[in-house]
Amino acid sequence: MASSSAAPYDPSVVLADEPSGNLDHANAERLHEMLFRLAREYETAVVVVTHNRQLAGRADRVLLLEDGRLTTVSSADAIP
């Protein structure tokens, strides 16, 4: 898995665009756990672009891109 190769290099930021879009549920959960563990253990910022509300709901901060505008929302549940 390509994303696991980032950890040994101690990156400041990891960008993940629909990281689990093509994965089955079990492997998607494993990947999500890995991303959050990376953020905690390596103090790495993980920026995830996703349509997965469950994944977005686990984030410390949720932003919505709509009509070219990026806005903060209170939670993934607040996304229309």
N, C-alpha and C. Protein backbone atom coordinates (compact mmCIF):
# COMPACT_ATOMS: atom_id res chain seq x y z
N MET A 1 0.85 -1.17 0.00
CA MET A 1 0.00 0.00 0.00
C MET A 1 0.90 1.24 0.00
N ALA A 2 0.68 2.09 -0.94
CA ALA A 2 1.55 3.26 -1.11
C ALA A 2 1.54 4.17 0.10
N SER A 3 0.39 4.35 0.74
CA SER A 3 0.32 5.30 1.85
C SER A 3 1.15 4.86 3.04
N SER A 4 1.35 3.56 3.22
CA SER A 4 2.15 3.12 4.36
C SER A 4 3.63 3.43 4.17
N SER A 5 4.04 3.69 2.94
CA SER A 5 5.45 3.98 2.69
C SER A 5 5.83 5.39 3.15
N ALA A 6 4.86 6.24 3.47
CA ALA A 6 5.17 7.61 3.90
C ALA A 6 5.70 7.65 5.33
N ALA A 7 5.27 6.74 6.17
CA ALA A 7 5.60 6.79 7.60
C ALA A 7 7.09 6.82 7.90
N PRO A 8 7.92 6.01 7.27
CA PRO A 8 9.35 6.02 7.63
C PRO A 8 10.06 7.35 7.35
N TYR A 9 9.47 8.21 6.54
CA TYR A 9 10.11 9.46 6.18
C TYR A 9 9.69 10.62 7.07
N ASP A 10 8.82 10.37 8.05
CA ASP A 10 8.38 11.38 9.00
C ASP A 10 7.88 12.65 8.30
N PRO A 11 6.85 12.53 7.45
CA PRO A 11 6.36 13.70 6.73
C PRO A 11 5.61 14.65 7.67
N SER A 12 5.59 15.93 7.33
CA SER A 12 4.83 16.92 8.09
C SER A 12 3.36 16.86 7.72
N VAL A 13 3.10 16.53 6.45
CA VAL A 13 1.74 16.49 5.94
C VAL A 13 1.60 15.29 5.02
N VAL A 14 0.46 14.59 5.13
CA VAL A 14 0.11 13.52 4.19
C VAL A 14 -1.19 13.94 3.53
N LEU A 15 -1.22 13.95 2.20
CA LEU A 15 -2.42 14.29 1.44
C LEU A 15 -3.04 13.00 0.93
N ALA A 16 -4.33 12.82 1.18
CA ALA A 16 -5.01 11.59 0.77
C ALA A 16 -6.30 11.97 0.05
N ASP A 17 -6.35 11.74 -1.25
CA ASP A 17 -7.52 12.05 -2.06
C ASP A 17 -8.34 10.78 -2.26
N GLU A 18 -9.49 10.69 -1.62
CA GLU A 18 -10.36 9.50 -1.65
C GLU A 18 -9.54 8.24 -1.39
N PRO A 19 -8.87 8.17 -0.24
CA PRO A 19 -7.93 7.08 0.01
C PRO A 19 -8.54 5.69 0.03
N SER A 20 -9.81 5.59 0.38
CA SER A 20 -10.41 4.25 0.48
C SER A 20 -11.55 4.05 -0.51
N GLY A 21 -11.61 4.88 -1.52
CA GLY A 21 -12.72 4.84 -2.47
C GLY A 21 -12.90 3.51 -3.18
N ASN A 22 -11.83 2.79 -3.46
CA ASN A 22 -11.92 1.53 -4.19
C ASN A 22 -11.69 0.31 -3.31
N LEU A 23 -11.76 0.48 -2.00
CA LEU A 23 -11.50 -0.62 -1.08
C LEU A 23 -12.79 -1.19 -0.50
N ASP A 24 -12.76 -2.47 -0.16
CA ASP A 24 -13.89 -3.04 0.55
C ASP A 24 -13.91 -2.47 1.97
N HIS A 25 -15.00 -2.72 2.67
CA HIS A 25 -15.19 -2.10 3.99
C HIS A 25 -14.05 -2.43 4.97
N ALA A 26 -13.66 -3.70 5.04
CA ALA A 26 -12.63 -4.10 6.01
C ALA A 26 -11.29 -3.43 5.72
N ASN A 27 -10.89 -3.39 4.47
CA ASN A 27 -9.61 -2.75 4.12
C ASN A 27 -9.69 -1.24 4.24
N ALA A 28 -10.86 -0.67 3.97
CA ALA A 28 -11.04 0.77 4.15
C ALA A 28 -10.85 1.12 5.62
N GLU A 29 -11.43 0.33 6.52
CA GLU A 29 -11.27 0.59 7.96
C GLU A 29 -9.81 0.48 8.38
N ARG A 30 -9.11 -0.49 7.86
CA ARG A 30 -7.67 -0.64 8.18
C ARG A 30 -6.90 0.60 7.73
N LEU A 31 -7.20 1.07 6.53
CA LEU A 31 -6.52 2.26 6.02
C LEU A 31 -6.85 3.48 6.87
N HIS A 32 -8.12 3.64 7.24
CA HIS A 32 -8.52 4.78 8.07
C HIS A 32 -7.78 4.75 9.40
N GLU A 33 -7.71 3.58 10.02
CA GLU A 33 -6.97 3.44 11.27
C GLU A 33 -5.50 3.81 11.10
N MET A 34 -4.91 3.39 9.98
CA MET A 34 -3.51 3.70 9.72
C MET A 34 -3.30 5.21 9.58
N LEU A 35 -4.21 5.89 8.89
CA LEU A 35 -4.08 7.33 8.72
C LEU A 35 -4.17 8.06 10.06
N PHE A 36 -5.12 7.66 10.90
CA PHE A 36 -5.25 8.33 12.19
C PHE A 36 -4.10 7.97 13.13
N ARG A 37 -3.59 6.76 13.04
CA ARG A 37 -2.43 6.38 13.84
C ARG A 37 -1.20 7.17 13.39
N LEU A 38 -1.04 7.35 12.09
CA LEU A 38 0.05 8.15 11.55
C LEU A 38 -0.01 9.57 12.11
N ALA A 39 -1.21 10.13 12.13
CA ALA A 39 -1.38 11.49 12.64
C ALA A 39 -0.99 11.58 14.11
N ARG A 40 -1.43 10.59 14.90
CA ARG A 40 -1.13 10.61 16.34
C ARG A 40 0.34 10.33 16.63
N GLU A 41 0.84 9.23 16.12
CA GLU A 41 2.18 8.77 16.49
C GLU A 41 3.31 9.61 15.90
N TYR A 42 3.10 10.12 14.71
CA TYR A 42 4.16 10.91 14.06
C TYR A 42 3.87 12.40 14.10
N GLU A 43 2.77 12.77 14.76
CA GLU A 43 2.35 14.17 14.81
C GLU A 43 2.34 14.77 13.41
N THR A 44 1.70 14.04 12.53
CA THR A 44 1.62 14.40 11.12
C THR A 44 0.23 14.94 10.81
N ALA A 45 0.16 16.01 10.06
CA ALA A 45 -1.13 16.51 9.58
C ALA A 45 -1.58 15.61 8.43
N VAL A 46 -2.79 15.12 8.51
CA VAL A 46 -3.34 14.28 7.45
C VAL A 46 -4.53 15.02 6.86
N VAL A 47 -4.43 15.36 5.58
CA VAL A 47 -5.50 16.06 4.87
C VAL A 47 -6.17 15.04 3.97
N VAL A 48 -7.45 14.80 4.23
CA VAL A 48 -8.20 13.79 3.49
C VAL A 48 -9.32 14.46 2.72
N VAL A 49 -9.38 14.17 1.42
CA VAL A 49 -10.50 14.60 0.59
C VAL A 49 -11.37 13.36 0.41
N THR A 50 -12.64 13.46 0.82
CA THR A 50 -13.48 12.27 0.78
C THR A 50 -14.96 12.62 0.66
N HIS A 51 -15.72 11.67 0.13
CA HIS A 51 -17.18 11.73 0.16
C HIS A 51 -17.72 10.84 1.27
N ASN A 52 -16.83 10.17 1.98
CA ASN A 52 -17.19 9.23 3.04
C ASN A 52 -17.46 10.00 4.33
N ARG A 53 -18.73 10.14 4.68
CA ARG A 53 -19.10 10.92 5.87
C ARG A 53 -18.59 10.28 7.15
N GLN A 54 -18.54 8.96 7.18
CA GLN A 54 -18.03 8.27 8.37
C GLN A 54 -16.57 8.63 8.60
N LEU A 55 -15.77 8.62 7.55
CA LEU A 55 -14.36 9.00 7.66
C LEU A 55 -14.24 10.47 8.03
N ALA A 56 -15.01 11.33 7.38
CA ALA A 56 -14.97 12.77 7.69
C ALA A 56 -15.36 13.02 9.14
N GLY A 57 -16.28 12.21 9.65
CA GLY A 57 -16.73 12.38 11.02
C GLY A 57 -15.66 12.10 12.06
N ARG A 58 -14.62 11.39 11.68
CA ARG A 58 -13.53 11.10 12.60
C ARG A 58 -12.47 12.20 12.62
N ALA A 59 -12.57 13.13 11.71
CA ALA A 59 -11.55 14.18 11.59
C ALA A 59 -11.66 15.20 12.70
N ASP A 60 -10.53 15.83 13.02
CA ASP A 60 -10.50 16.91 14.00
C ASP A 60 -11.18 18.16 13.47
N ARG A 61 -11.13 18.33 12.16
CA ARG A 61 -11.70 19.51 11.52
C ARG A 61 -12.31 19.09 10.20
N VAL A 62 -13.50 19.60 9.89
CA VAL A 62 -14.18 19.25 8.65
C VAL A 62 -14.42 20.53 7.86
N LEU A 63 -13.99 20.50 6.61
CA LEU A 63 -14.21 21.63 5.71
C LEU A 63 -15.06 21.15 4.54
N LEU A 64 -15.86 22.04 4.00
CA LEU A 64 -16.73 21.74 2.87
C LEU A 64 -16.32 22.62 1.69
N LEU A 65 -16.10 22.00 0.55
CA LEU A 65 -15.82 22.74 -0.68
C LEU A 65 -17.09 22.71 -1.51
N GLU A 66 -17.68 23.88 -1.69
CA GLU A 66 -18.93 23.98 -2.45
C GLU A 66 -18.92 25.26 -3.25
N ASP A 67 -19.18 25.13 -4.54
CA ASP A 67 -19.21 26.28 -5.45
C ASP A 67 -17.92 27.10 -5.38
N GLY A 68 -16.80 26.41 -5.25
CA GLY A 68 -15.50 27.07 -5.23
C GLY A 68 -15.14 27.73 -3.91
N ARG A 69 -15.97 27.54 -2.88
CA ARG A 69 -15.71 28.14 -1.57
C ARG A 69 -15.44 27.05 -0.55
N LEU A 70 -14.42 27.26 0.27
CA LEU A 70 -14.06 26.33 1.33
C LEU A 70 -14.55 26.92 2.65
N THR A 71 -15.42 26.19 3.34
CA THR A 71 -15.97 26.68 4.60
C THR A 71 -15.84 25.60 5.67
N THR A 72 -15.72 26.03 6.92
CA THR A 72 -15.68 25.12 8.05
C THR A 72 -17.11 24.75 8.42
N VAL A 73 -17.32 23.47 8.71
CA VAL A 73 -18.62 23.02 9.20
C VAL A 73 -18.42 22.42 10.59
N SER A 74 -19.46 22.41 11.39
CA SER A 74 -19.34 21.95 12.77
C SER A 74 -19.04 20.46 12.87
N SER A 75 -19.54 19.67 11.93
CA SER A 75 -19.28 18.24 11.93
C SER A 75 -19.67 17.69 10.56
N ALA A 76 -19.32 16.43 10.31
CA ALA A 76 -19.70 15.80 9.04
C ALA A 76 -21.21 15.71 8.91
N ASP A 77 -21.91 15.63 10.04
CA ASP A 77 -23.37 15.56 10.01
C ASP A 77 -24.01 16.86 9.51
N ALA A 78 -23.26 17.96 9.61
CA ALA A 78 -23.77 19.26 9.20
C ALA A 78 -23.63 19.50 7.70
N ILE A 79 -23.00 18.57 7.00
CA ILE A 79 -22.83 18.73 5.56
C ILE A 79 -24.16 18.43 4.87
N PRO A 80 -24.63 19.35 4.04
CA PRO A 80 -25.93 19.13 3.37
C PRO A 80 -25.90 17.96 2.41
